[in-house]
Protein backbone atom coordinates (compact mmCIF):
# COMPACT_ATOMS: atom_id res chain seq x y z
CA MET A 1 -63.14 -1.15 -20.07
CA SER A 2 -60.31 -3.44 -19.01
CA THR A 3 -58.11 -5.05 -21.64
CA GLY A 4 -56.38 -7.40 -19.18
CA THR A 5 -56.99 -11.08 -18.67
CA PRO A 6 -60.46 -11.79 -17.23
CA ARG A 7 -60.39 -12.76 -13.58
CA THR A 8 -62.11 -16.09 -14.28
CA LEU A 9 -59.45 -17.05 -16.83
CA ARG A 10 -56.67 -16.13 -14.40
CA LYS A 11 -58.34 -18.34 -11.80
CA VAL A 12 -58.63 -21.24 -14.25
CA SER A 13 -55.02 -20.81 -15.35
CA THR A 14 -53.85 -20.86 -11.75
CA THR A 15 -55.88 -23.97 -11.06
CA ILE A 16 -54.47 -25.80 -14.06
CA THR A 17 -50.80 -24.96 -13.40
CA THR A 18 -50.78 -25.57 -9.66
CA THR A 19 -49.03 -28.79 -8.69
CA PRO A 20 -50.62 -30.75 -5.85
CA ALA A 21 -48.51 -30.96 -2.71
CA SER A 22 -48.53 -34.72 -2.79
CA ALA A 23 -47.13 -34.76 -6.30
CA ALA A 24 -44.37 -32.33 -5.36
CA ASP A 25 -43.43 -34.40 -2.34
CA SER A 26 -43.24 -37.56 -4.40
CA SER A 27 -41.13 -36.08 -7.20
CA PRO A 28 -37.46 -37.09 -7.47
CA SER A 29 -36.38 -33.48 -6.92
CA ALA A 30 -38.00 -33.21 -3.48
CA PRO A 31 -34.91 -34.42 -1.55
CA VAL A 32 -32.79 -31.90 -3.45
CA SER A 33 -35.23 -29.13 -2.53
CA ARG A 34 -34.99 -30.10 1.12
CA TRP A 35 -31.20 -29.92 1.02
CA ARG A 36 -31.47 -26.40 -0.40
CA TRP A 37 -32.79 -25.28 2.98
CA PHE A 38 -29.33 -25.98 4.41
CA LEU A 39 -27.28 -24.65 1.49
CA ARG A 40 -27.28 -20.95 2.32
CA PRO A 41 -26.95 -21.37 6.10
CA GLY A 42 -24.00 -23.68 5.48
CA ALA A 43 -22.49 -21.20 3.03
CA ALA A 44 -22.93 -18.37 5.54
CA SER A 45 -21.13 -20.33 8.26
CA LEU A 46 -18.38 -21.29 5.82
CA SER A 47 -17.85 -17.68 4.75
CA GLY A 48 -17.31 -16.72 8.39
CA PHE A 49 -14.90 -19.59 8.93
CA LEU A 50 -12.91 -18.53 5.86
CA LEU A 51 -12.62 -15.06 7.38
CA TYR A 52 -11.23 -16.65 10.54
CA LEU A 53 -8.69 -18.62 8.51
CA SER A 54 -7.50 -15.39 6.89
CA PHE A 55 -6.23 -14.15 10.29
CA PRO A 56 -2.82 -14.81 11.91
CA PRO A 57 -0.94 -16.88 12.77
CA ARG A 58 -1.81 -18.13 9.29
CA THR A 59 -0.69 -16.06 6.30
CA LEU A 60 -3.84 -16.84 4.32
CA TRP A 61 -4.94 -13.20 4.09
CA TRP A 62 -6.28 -13.76 0.57
CA LEU A 63 -9.01 -16.08 1.92
CA ALA A 64 -10.91 -12.96 3.02
CA VAL A 65 -11.73 -12.20 -0.63
CA PRO A 66 -13.48 -15.52 -1.44
CA ALA A 67 -15.06 -15.32 2.03
CA PHE A 68 -16.82 -12.09 1.07
CA ALA A 69 -17.64 -13.49 -2.37
CA LEU A 70 -19.35 -16.45 -0.72
CA LEU A 71 -21.11 -14.12 1.72
CA GLY A 72 -22.34 -12.10 -1.26
CA TRP A 73 -23.78 -15.23 -2.86
CA THR A 74 -25.42 -16.13 0.44
CA LEU A 75 -27.07 -12.75 1.02
CA ARG A 76 -27.84 -11.32 -2.41
CA GLY A 77 -31.55 -11.21 -3.04
CA ARG A 78 -32.48 -12.40 0.45
CA ARG A 79 -35.09 -10.66 2.53
CA PRO A 80 -33.56 -8.50 5.30
CA ARG A 81 -34.90 -10.83 7.99
CA ALA A 82 -33.21 -13.80 6.32
CA GLY A 83 -30.08 -11.67 5.90
CA PHE A 84 -29.99 -11.11 9.66
CA GLY A 85 -30.12 -14.84 10.39
CA LEU A 86 -27.54 -15.70 7.74
CA GLY A 87 -25.32 -12.89 8.99
CA GLN A 88 -25.54 -14.29 12.51
CA LEU A 89 -24.33 -17.66 11.24
CA ALA A 90 -21.47 -15.98 9.38
CA GLY A 91 -20.57 -14.04 12.52
CA LEU A 92 -20.50 -17.16 14.66
CA GLY A 93 -18.45 -19.02 12.05
CA PHE A 94 -15.95 -16.16 12.18
CA LEU A 95 -15.85 -15.08 15.81
CA LEU A 96 -16.28 -18.35 17.70
CA PRO A 97 -12.89 -19.70 16.56
CA LEU A 98 -11.26 -16.26 16.42
CA LEU A 99 -12.06 -15.45 20.07
CA VAL A 100 -11.63 -18.88 21.63
CA TRP A 101 -8.62 -17.55 23.54
CA THR A 102 -10.94 -15.43 25.70
CA GLY A 103 -11.98 -18.61 27.51
CA GLU A 104 -8.39 -19.67 28.21
CA GLU A 105 -8.58 -18.86 31.92
CA VAL A 106 -12.26 -18.41 32.77
CA GLY A 107 -13.94 -21.20 30.83
CA PRO A 108 -16.28 -21.36 27.84
CA VAL A 109 -19.22 -19.26 29.06
CA PRO A 110 -17.58 -15.81 28.66
CA TRP A 111 -16.12 -16.86 25.31
CA LEU A 112 -19.47 -18.06 23.98
CA ALA A 113 -21.28 -14.99 25.30
CA LEU A 114 -18.75 -12.59 23.78
CA ALA A 115 -18.80 -14.33 20.39
CA ALA A 116 -22.60 -14.40 20.35
CA VAL A 117 -22.90 -10.69 21.19
CA GLU A 118 -20.24 -9.63 18.69
CA ALA A 119 -21.85 -11.82 16.02
CA LEU A 120 -24.98 -9.68 16.34
CA PHE A 121 -23.07 -6.89 14.60
CA VAL A 122 -22.28 -9.23 11.73
CA ALA A 123 -25.96 -10.21 11.72
CA ALA A 124 -26.90 -6.54 11.40
CA ALA A 125 -24.42 -6.25 8.53
CA GLY A 126 -26.08 -9.28 6.91
CA LEU A 127 -29.46 -7.58 7.17
CA GLY A 128 -28.08 -4.42 5.57
CA ILE A 129 -26.22 -6.27 2.82
CA ALA A 130 -29.36 -8.21 1.92
CA ALA A 131 -31.32 -4.94 1.81
CA VAL A 132 -28.90 -3.22 -0.60
CA SER A 133 -28.15 -6.29 -2.69
CA ARG A 134 -30.75 -5.47 -5.38
CA LEU A 135 -29.40 -1.98 -6.00
CA PRO A 136 -27.12 -1.02 -8.89
CA TRP A 137 -23.48 -1.05 -7.73
CA TRP A 138 -24.55 -3.07 -4.71
CA PRO A 139 -21.01 -4.32 -3.92
CA VAL A 140 -20.05 -0.74 -3.00
CA PHE A 141 -23.02 -0.33 -0.68
CA ALA A 142 -22.54 -3.81 0.80
CA ALA A 143 -18.87 -3.13 1.62
CA GLY A 144 -19.93 0.16 3.20
CA VAL A 145 -22.50 -1.67 5.33
CA TRP A 146 -19.80 -4.04 6.57
CA ILE A 147 -17.58 -1.12 7.63
CA LEU A 148 -20.54 0.59 9.30
CA ALA A 149 -21.10 -2.55 11.37
CA GLU A 150 -17.39 -2.67 12.27
CA ALA A 151 -17.53 0.99 13.32
CA ALA A 152 -20.45 0.26 15.62
CA ARG A 153 -18.75 -2.83 17.04
CA ALA A 154 -15.68 -0.73 17.83
CA ARG A 155 -17.74 1.64 19.96
CA VAL A 156 -20.51 -0.25 21.75
CA PRO A 157 -21.12 -1.73 24.22
CA PHE A 158 -18.69 -0.73 27.01
CA GLY A 159 -16.49 1.27 24.64
CA GLY A 160 -16.52 -1.35 21.91
CA PHE A 161 -14.56 -4.42 20.92
CA PRO A 162 -12.87 -3.99 17.50
CA TRP A 163 -10.97 -7.28 17.71
CA GLY A 164 -11.46 -9.06 14.40
CA LYS A 165 -11.73 -6.02 12.14
CA ILE A 166 -11.04 -7.31 8.64
CA ALA A 167 -8.04 -4.97 8.33
CA PHE A 168 -6.23 -6.81 11.14
CA GLY A 169 -6.08 -9.97 9.02
CA GLN A 170 -4.27 -8.18 6.19
CA ALA A 171 -0.81 -7.54 7.70
CA ASP A 172 0.78 -9.81 5.07
CA GLY A 173 -1.64 -8.89 2.31
CA LEU A 174 -1.71 -7.08 -0.99
CA PHE A 175 -4.10 -4.43 0.32
CA LEU A 176 -1.99 -3.36 3.34
CA PRO A 177 -0.73 -0.06 1.79
CA LEU A 178 -4.32 1.21 1.86
CA ALA A 179 -3.98 1.47 5.64
CA ALA A 180 -1.83 4.55 5.02
CA VAL A 181 -4.59 6.07 2.87
CA GLY A 182 -7.54 5.82 5.23
CA GLY A 183 -6.67 3.53 8.12
CA THR A 184 -8.40 0.28 8.99
CA PRO A 185 -11.80 1.35 7.56
CA VAL A 186 -10.43 1.89 4.05
CA LEU A 187 -8.34 -1.28 4.22
CA GLY A 188 -11.32 -3.36 5.36
CA PHE A 189 -13.62 -1.72 2.78
CA ALA A 190 -11.22 -2.63 -0.02
CA VAL A 191 -11.14 -6.29 0.98
CA ALA A 192 -14.94 -6.52 1.27
CA LEU A 193 -15.48 -4.63 -2.00
CA CYS A 194 -13.10 -6.92 -3.84
CA GLY A 195 -14.90 -10.00 -2.53
CA PHE A 196 -18.41 -8.76 -3.30
CA GLY A 197 -17.27 -7.52 -6.71
CA LEU A 198 -15.72 -10.90 -7.45
CA TYR A 199 -19.01 -12.66 -6.76
CA GLU A 200 -21.02 -10.16 -8.82
CA THR A 201 -18.61 -10.49 -11.74
CA ALA A 202 -18.88 -14.27 -11.65
CA ARG A 203 -22.66 -14.08 -11.38
CA LEU A 204 -23.02 -11.80 -14.39
CA LEU A 205 -20.57 -13.80 -16.49
CA HIS A 206 -22.49 -16.97 -15.68
CA ALA A 207 -25.74 -15.27 -16.65
CA ARG A 208 -24.30 -14.17 -20.00
CA ARG A 209 -22.98 -17.60 -20.89
CA LYS A 210 -25.55 -19.98 -19.48
CA PRO A 211 -29.09 -18.78 -18.77
CA ALA A 212 -30.58 -20.19 -15.59
CA ALA A 213 -33.66 -22.38 -15.57
CA PRO A 214 -37.01 -20.66 -14.97
CA GLY A 215 -38.27 -20.38 -11.42
CA GLY A 216 -35.09 -19.18 -9.69
CA ASP A 217 -35.16 -16.93 -6.68
CA ASP A 218 -32.50 -14.38 -7.47
CA PRO A 219 -33.95 -11.89 -9.96
CA ALA A 220 -31.65 -9.26 -11.35
CA ALA A 221 -32.55 -5.65 -11.07
CA ASP A 222 -31.86 -2.27 -12.67
CA GLY A 223 -30.32 -3.42 -15.89
CA ALA A 224 -28.53 -6.50 -14.57
CA PRO A 225 -29.15 -9.75 -16.43
CA ASP A 226 -32.30 -11.57 -15.34
CA VAL A 227 -31.03 -15.02 -14.48
CA THR A 228 -34.50 -16.31 -13.65
CA SER A 229 -36.28 -15.62 -16.91
CA GLY A 230 -34.76 -18.40 -18.97
CA THR A 231 -33.68 -15.89 -21.62
CA ARG A 232 -30.27 -14.61 -22.53
CA PRO A 233 -29.28 -11.30 -20.97
CA ARG A 234 -29.75 -8.12 -22.88
CA ALA A 235 -26.86 -6.25 -24.43
CA GLY A 236 -27.31 -3.59 -21.77
CA ALA A 237 -25.88 -6.01 -19.22
CA ARG A 238 -22.38 -4.97 -20.20
CA GLY A 239 -22.63 -1.90 -17.96
CA PRO A 240 -23.30 -3.84 -14.75
CA LEU A 241 -20.60 -6.34 -15.69
CA ALA A 242 -18.06 -3.57 -16.17
CA ALA A 243 -19.08 -2.05 -12.82
CA ALA A 244 -18.67 -5.42 -11.08
CA ALA A 245 -15.23 -5.93 -12.63
CA LEU A 246 -14.29 -2.42 -11.52
CA ALA A 247 -15.21 -3.33 -7.94
CA VAL A 248 -12.54 -6.03 -8.11
CA LEU A 249 -9.90 -3.96 -9.86
CA LEU A 250 -10.21 -0.71 -7.89
CA PRO A 251 -9.01 -2.11 -4.54
CA VAL A 252 -6.07 -3.81 -6.22
CA THR A 253 -5.01 -0.77 -8.25
CA GLY A 254 -5.59 1.44 -5.21
CA ALA A 255 -3.24 -0.69 -3.13
CA VAL A 256 -0.57 -0.47 -5.83
CA ALA A 257 -1.03 3.29 -6.11
CA ALA A 258 -0.66 3.61 -2.31
CA LEU A 259 2.74 1.89 -2.25
CA PRO A 260 4.69 5.21 -2.24
CA LEU A 261 3.05 6.01 1.11
CA VAL A 262 4.75 2.96 2.65
CA ASP A 263 8.13 4.43 3.52
CA ASP A 264 10.64 3.44 6.20
CA ALA A 265 13.22 6.16 5.55
CA ALA A 266 14.76 7.60 8.72
CA GLU A 267 13.40 11.15 8.44
CA ASP A 268 14.50 12.06 11.98
CA GLY A 269 17.50 9.78 12.26
CA THR A 270 17.45 6.52 14.17
CA ALA A 271 17.16 5.26 17.71
CA THR A 272 18.52 2.08 19.26
CA VAL A 273 15.78 0.52 21.33
CA ALA A 274 15.76 -2.49 23.65
CA ALA A 275 12.60 -4.53 24.28
CA VAL A 276 12.82 -6.76 27.36
CA GLN A 277 10.81 -9.98 27.64
CA GLY A 278 11.38 -11.25 31.15
CA ASN A 279 8.93 -14.16 30.91
CA VAL A 280 6.58 -15.33 33.66
CA PRO A 281 6.67 -18.30 36.04
CA ARG A 282 3.82 -20.66 35.26
CA LEU A 283 3.51 -22.91 38.32
CA GLY A 284 4.45 -23.29 41.95
CA LEU A 285 4.10 -19.73 43.27
CA ASP A 286 1.28 -17.90 45.00
CA PHE A 287 -0.02 -14.62 43.59
CA ASN A 288 2.32 -12.25 45.42
CA ALA A 289 5.37 -14.43 44.77
CA GLN A 290 4.45 -14.62 41.09
CA ARG A 291 4.25 -10.83 40.82
CA ARG A 292 7.68 -10.45 42.41
CA ALA A 293 9.13 -13.15 40.14
CA VAL A 294 7.87 -11.32 37.04
CA LEU A 295 9.49 -8.10 38.23
CA ASP A 296 12.75 -9.86 39.07
CA ASN A 297 12.78 -11.57 35.66
CA HIS A 298 12.62 -8.26 33.81
CA ALA A 299 15.23 -6.70 36.05
CA ALA A 300 17.53 -9.69 35.55
CA ARG A 301 17.22 -9.52 31.76
CA THR A 302 18.05 -5.81 31.90
CA HIS A 303 21.14 -6.47 34.03
CA GLU A 304 22.21 -9.14 31.53
CA LEU A 305 21.78 -6.62 28.71
CA ALA A 306 23.91 -4.09 30.63
CA GLN A 307 26.65 -6.72 30.99
CA ALA A 308 26.47 -7.51 27.27
CA VAL A 309 26.78 -3.79 26.47
CA ARG A 310 29.86 -3.45 28.68
CA GLU A 311 31.44 -6.45 26.97
CA GLY A 312 30.65 -5.09 23.52
CA ARG A 313 28.30 -7.93 22.60
CA LYS A 314 25.27 -5.64 22.31
CA PRO A 315 24.93 -1.99 21.26
CA ARG A 316 23.97 0.44 24.00
CA PRO A 317 20.26 1.24 23.73
CA ASP A 318 19.01 4.82 23.80
CA PHE A 319 16.08 3.62 25.90
CA VAL A 320 14.62 0.38 27.24
CA LEU A 321 11.00 -0.80 27.06
CA TRP A 322 9.50 -3.23 29.56
CA PRO A 323 6.05 -4.73 28.95
CA GLU A 324 2.70 -4.09 30.56
CA ASN A 325 2.48 -5.63 34.06
CA SER A 326 6.24 -6.12 34.29
CA SER A 327 5.80 -4.75 37.81
CA ASP A 328 2.41 -5.67 39.22
CA ILE A 329 3.84 -4.45 42.53
CA ASP A 330 3.23 -0.72 42.88
CA PRO A 331 6.71 0.87 43.01
CA TYR A 332 5.29 4.05 44.53
CA ALA A 333 3.97 2.11 47.52
CA ASN A 334 6.65 -0.61 47.74
CA PRO A 335 10.26 0.56 48.21
CA ASP A 336 11.58 -2.93 47.41
CA ALA A 337 10.00 -2.88 43.96
CA ALA A 338 11.24 0.65 43.34
CA ALA A 339 14.78 -0.41 44.29
CA VAL A 340 14.71 -3.34 41.86
CA ILE A 341 13.56 -1.10 38.98
CA ASP A 342 15.98 1.65 39.90
CA GLY A 343 18.89 -0.79 40.00
CA ALA A 344 18.07 -2.12 36.54
CA ALA A 345 17.70 1.37 35.04
CA ARG A 346 21.00 2.49 36.58
CA ALA A 347 22.76 -0.63 35.32
CA ILE A 348 21.73 -0.04 31.70
CA GLY A 349 22.16 3.73 32.02
CA ALA A 350 19.13 4.55 29.86
CA PRO A 351 15.56 5.70 30.47
CA THR A 352 13.33 2.68 30.98
CA VAL A 353 9.57 2.39 30.53
CA VAL A 354 8.04 0.08 33.14
CA GLY A 355 4.52 -1.32 33.06
CA ALA A 356 3.13 -1.20 36.60
CA VAL A 357 -0.11 -1.60 38.52
CA VAL A 358 -0.50 1.52 40.62
CA ALA A 359 -2.82 1.13 43.62
CA PRO A 360 -3.88 4.43 45.20
CA GLU A 361 -5.15 4.26 48.77
CA THR A 362 -8.61 5.20 47.50
CA GLY A 363 -10.23 4.98 44.13
CA LYS A 364 -9.56 2.66 41.26
CA LEU A 365 -6.37 0.91 40.23
CA ARG A 366 -4.31 2.26 37.36
CA ASN A 367 -2.61 0.30 34.58
CA THR A 368 0.34 2.65 34.31
CA LEU A 369 3.46 3.02 32.20
CA ILE A 370 6.21 4.78 34.15
CA GLN A 371 9.16 6.58 32.59
CA TRP A 372 12.05 5.71 34.92
CA ASP A 373 15.14 7.86 34.61
CA PRO A 374 18.40 6.14 35.69
CA ARG A 375 19.36 9.18 37.83
CA ARG A 376 16.05 10.74 38.87
CA GLY A 377 13.73 7.75 39.14
CA PRO A 378 10.11 8.01 37.95
CA VAL A 379 9.60 11.23 35.98
CA ALA A 380 6.43 10.68 33.91
CA THR A 381 3.44 8.34 33.74
CA TYR A 382 0.77 7.23 31.30
CA ASP A 383 -2.43 5.61 32.54
CA LYS A 384 -4.10 3.24 30.09
CA ARG A 385 -7.10 5.09 28.67
CA HIS A 386 -9.19 2.18 27.44
CA VAL A 387 -9.38 -0.39 30.21
CA GLN A 388 -10.75 -3.78 29.23
CA PRO A 389 -14.31 -4.62 30.33
CA PHE A 390 -14.63 -7.97 32.14
CA GLY A 391 -10.83 -8.12 32.31
CA GLU A 392 -9.67 -4.95 34.07
CA TYR A 393 -13.07 -3.90 35.35
CA ILE A 394 -16.43 -5.64 35.69
CA PRO A 395 -19.47 -3.74 34.46
CA MET A 396 -22.77 -4.84 36.01
CA ARG A 397 -20.83 -6.98 38.47
CA SER A 398 -23.82 -8.21 40.49
CA PHE A 399 -25.71 -9.25 37.35
CA VAL A 400 -22.73 -10.97 35.73
CA ARG A 401 -22.01 -12.88 38.95
CA ILE A 402 -25.28 -14.78 38.43
CA PHE A 403 -23.77 -16.47 35.39
CA ASN A 404 -20.09 -16.69 36.35
CA SER A 405 -18.49 -16.31 39.78
CA ASP A 406 -15.09 -15.72 38.15
CA VAL A 407 -15.95 -12.02 37.98
CA ASP A 408 -14.75 -11.77 41.57
CA ARG A 409 -11.22 -12.62 40.43
CA VAL A 410 -11.13 -8.93 39.50
CA ARG A 411 -11.50 -7.71 43.08
CA ARG A 412 -10.78 -4.05 42.45
CA ASP A 413 -11.63 -2.34 39.19
CA PHE A 414 -9.14 -0.42 37.09
CA GLY A 415 -9.98 3.12 36.06
CA PRO A 416 -9.07 4.80 32.77
CA GLY A 417 -6.60 7.61 32.29
CA ASP A 418 -7.45 10.75 30.34
CA GLN A 419 -4.10 11.91 28.92
CA VAL A 420 -2.47 10.96 25.61
CA GLY A 421 0.74 9.03 26.24
CA VAL A 422 3.92 10.39 24.66
CA PHE A 423 7.26 10.10 26.52
CA ASP A 424 10.44 11.96 25.62
CA LEU A 425 13.05 9.20 25.92
CA ALA A 426 16.58 10.47 25.34
CA GLY A 427 15.30 12.91 22.73
CA THR A 428 12.93 10.47 21.00
CA ARG A 429 9.21 11.07 21.32
CA VAL A 430 7.63 7.65 21.90
CA GLY A 431 3.87 7.12 21.64
CA LEU A 432 2.29 4.71 24.14
CA ALA A 433 -0.63 2.37 23.49
CA THR A 434 -1.00 -0.29 26.15
CA CYS A 435 -1.89 -3.79 24.90
CA TYR A 436 -5.64 -3.82 24.16
CA GLU A 437 -5.49 -0.17 23.04
CA ALA A 438 -3.73 -1.20 19.81
CA ALA A 439 -7.12 -2.42 18.55
CA PHE A 440 -8.62 1.09 18.73
CA ASP A 441 -7.89 3.50 15.90
CA TRP A 442 -8.06 6.61 18.07
CA ALA A 443 -5.78 5.29 20.81
CA VAL A 444 -2.83 4.89 18.44
CA ARG A 445 -3.54 7.85 16.16
CA ASP A 446 -3.64 10.28 19.10
CA THR A 447 -0.04 9.52 19.98
CA VAL A 448 1.15 10.30 16.45
CA THR A 449 -0.82 13.55 16.19
CA HIS A 450 0.78 14.51 19.52
CA GLY A 451 4.24 14.16 18.03
CA ALA A 452 5.27 10.51 18.45
CA GLN A 453 8.17 9.51 16.20
CA LEU A 454 7.89 5.88 17.25
CA ILE A 455 5.11 3.80 18.82
CA THR A 456 5.35 1.16 21.51
CA VAL A 457 2.64 -1.32 22.50
CA PRO A 458 3.66 -2.85 25.88
CA SER A 459 1.54 -5.95 26.44
CA ASN A 460 0.91 -8.84 28.79
CA ASN A 461 -0.48 -11.91 27.02
CA ALA A 462 0.63 -14.53 29.55
CA THR A 463 -2.95 -15.18 30.67
CA PHE A 464 -3.82 -16.47 27.21
CA GLY A 465 -1.10 -19.09 27.03
CA ARG A 466 0.05 -20.19 23.59
CA SER A 467 -3.20 -19.25 21.91
CA GLU A 468 -3.54 -17.30 18.67
CA MET A 469 -4.30 -14.12 20.61
CA THR A 470 -0.72 -12.86 20.70
CA TYR A 471 -0.35 -13.29 16.92
CA GLN A 472 -3.62 -11.51 16.25
CA GLN A 473 -2.48 -8.61 18.42
CA LEU A 474 0.94 -8.50 16.77
CA ALA A 475 -0.76 -8.18 13.38
CA MET A 476 -2.60 -5.10 14.69
CA SER A 477 0.74 -3.46 15.46
CA ARG A 478 1.98 -4.23 11.95
CA VAL A 479 -1.09 -2.58 10.45
CA ARG A 480 -0.59 0.43 12.75
CA ALA A 481 3.01 0.74 11.59
CA VAL A 482 1.89 1.17 7.97
CA GLU A 483 -1.16 3.24 8.87
CA HIS A 484 0.95 5.91 10.59
CA SER A 485 4.35 5.24 8.98
CA ARG A 486 6.04 4.65 12.32
CA SER A 487 8.28 1.97 13.75
CA VAL A 488 6.41 -0.03 16.38
CA VAL A 489 8.08 -1.85 19.28
CA VAL A 490 6.05 -4.50 21.09
CA PRO A 491 7.51 -5.68 24.43
CA VAL A 492 5.47 -8.56 25.90
CA THR A 493 5.92 -10.32 29.25
CA SER A 494 5.79 -13.82 27.73
CA GLY A 495 5.95 -13.13 23.98
CA VAL A 496 5.71 -12.60 21.18
CA SER A 497 7.80 -9.42 21.49
CA ALA A 498 8.77 -7.75 18.23
CA VAL A 499 10.34 -4.78 16.48
CA ILE A 500 8.41 -3.60 13.42
CA ARG A 501 9.57 -1.12 10.79
CA PRO A 502 7.23 1.53 9.32
CA ASP A 503 6.54 -0.69 6.30
CA GLY A 504 5.09 -3.40 8.55
CA GLU A 505 8.10 -5.74 8.35
CA ILE A 506 9.06 -7.55 11.55
CA VAL A 507 12.85 -7.24 11.87
CA ALA A 508 13.19 -9.02 15.21
CA ARG A 509 10.91 -11.19 17.33
CA THR A 510 11.05 -13.53 20.31
CA ALA A 511 9.64 -16.96 20.97
CA MET A 512 6.78 -17.44 23.40
CA PHE A 513 7.50 -18.09 27.10
CA THR A 514 11.21 -17.55 26.57
CA PRO A 515 13.22 -14.82 28.34
CA ASP A 516 14.86 -12.60 25.75
CA VAL A 517 15.95 -9.06 24.88
CA LEU A 518 15.66 -7.46 21.45
CA VAL A 519 18.04 -4.60 20.60
CA GLU A 520 17.46 -2.93 17.25
CA LYS A 521 18.15 0.36 15.48
CA VAL A 522 14.88 1.72 14.11
CA PRO A 523 14.05 4.70 11.87
CA LEU A 524 12.31 7.69 13.42
CA ARG A 525 9.69 9.59 11.42
CA SER A 526 7.57 12.71 11.87
CA SER A 527 5.64 13.05 8.59
CA LEU A 528 1.93 12.23 8.69
CA THR A 529 0.19 9.82 6.35
CA PRO A 530 -3.21 10.68 4.84
CA ALA A 531 -4.73 8.19 7.28
CA THR A 532 -3.27 10.05 10.26
CA ARG A 533 -4.33 13.45 8.92
CA LEU A 534 -7.86 12.39 7.98
CA GLY A 535 -8.63 10.63 11.26
CA THR A 536 -12.21 9.37 11.38
CA LEU A 537 -13.26 11.08 8.12
CA PRO A 538 -12.77 8.01 5.86
CA GLU A 539 -14.83 5.88 8.25
CA ALA A 540 -17.56 8.55 8.33
CA LEU A 541 -17.66 8.73 4.52
CA LEU A 542 -17.95 4.95 4.21
CA ALA A 543 -20.71 4.97 6.83
CA ALA A 544 -22.46 7.61 4.72
CA VAL A 545 -22.17 5.35 1.67
CA ALA A 546 -23.82 2.57 3.68
CA ALA A 547 -26.56 4.90 4.92
CA ALA A 548 -27.23 6.11 1.38
CA GLY A 549 -27.58 2.54 0.13
CA LEU A 550 -29.87 1.54 2.98
CA GLY A 551 -32.01 4.64 2.43
CA TRP A 552 -32.24 3.97 -1.28
CA ALA A 553 -33.21 0.34 -0.68
CA ALA A 554 -35.85 1.38 1.85
CA ALA A 555 -37.33 3.93 -0.56
CA ARG A 556 -37.49 1.37 -3.38
CA GLY A 557 -39.17 -1.12 -1.09
CA LEU A 558 -41.74 1.46 -0.01
CA ARG A 559 -42.55 2.35 -3.63
CA ALA A 560 -42.90 -1.33 -4.49
CA ARG A 561 -45.35 -1.89 -1.60
CA ARG A 562 -47.41 1.11 -2.64
CA GLY A 563 -47.47 -0.17 -6.21
CA ARG A 564 -48.74 -3.57 -5.12
CA ALA A 565 -51.36 -1.99 -2.91
CA ALA A 566 -52.62 0.11 -5.82
CA VAL A 567 -53.17 -2.91 -8.11
């Protein structure tokens, strides 16, 4: 015998309490309800735009925290499908302005396509965050989901595109020391956790102080205050509130505790390094003449440095670093180019690293760094291991040509090298990561685990003009300096070139599109940070946290569906 409400009474009750559609449409609150359709999509887009604003050249790193708090408000309690759509909007709000420099030379279509594809990873993160948002301790799982999406974005497609990892916006931030603990994954996780925890703390405090009106759409779960019931939260809500506050405090206290890992002491002495920025001609020359002018510019700056050393105006460098593409003329195949480089190296009397395009008679081109000895000439090479898709090689060329004929500007594809780059320059072991490689955790870490005491990131950003790209890339090198506790020297054809100490401080930098030479004494180090020792383990653990949360959410959803089916 059932003791529940008779079915006929439930039907009558439903009939009495149902409001006719016409009445709802005519009520004064109807316009407000319509605007609510745009509230969360607008908030999602705004959260992404705040993430963009947290990146260089601005020093608004702290905006990433309220950005994640707003994203948490947008996604918490949403269905996964809605989370995907809101995440896509957040991704576009973030990546469209962040990557606008990719269309500097080839127009808007590649830029829009790249941003749209990369935003899909943020959309997937939105789906996952929405799925875990009803779990206890959901900020932890949500931050793990974000890092899982970043890990995927750094690997696929075409080897990945990690540009825009949250860690790369934190070079001036409070959380930067965490890079030395677990690299960019731990740094990014801390920022996301702090933001999600901030939102959850505010939500629970609001629920304790001012109960929400009945009929809301964000029910609490698992002991959290029910903000939709119209009643005051239970005393047991203190536990979730304490956990939310802990999610804010842990990243901050962790960053403070990691400060001793940020050390710029000269463990292995010092080295005096010169970074040459020859600059590039912008107009009035054909392609071959431009390449020769770039080479001549870097040789001329090196001769000027040699003269300054002889006159005592500059210290003598132990070695000299030229940027990527400082010789787009293959010095192995062109004796004139080899003579220009050899003359510059002999003038300064120090080993010189030259960025060259090497063109074998058959096979693919090589983006090569050449160690040029002032007496013996070229003695060692490093071929860039991660060549840039759609920039240095064109995947699916015939298909892509349908949408953009500019693919044929890359007439001959570059091929990747397979050896870790570490040069012995006058007794200093220098790790090599060419330009785009600075964005990849493994490409920089490998050089340090192979004995690098200093890192250099030779780059060529001239194609991207005065855009924000060069500042975004420079921030990556600052994060790498702290991550591996190494000085980092960044020679760039057109700027910004810089010398960075192991604590992430820039001690010297150039202006853009200005010929210049930086000569600085930098500390050399050989100790390994926890981030260097652990490698990909922190990222794997955070991915496991995300997977655990997603599995838990899926299991809860399955039980709930079975329960409804059984009623």
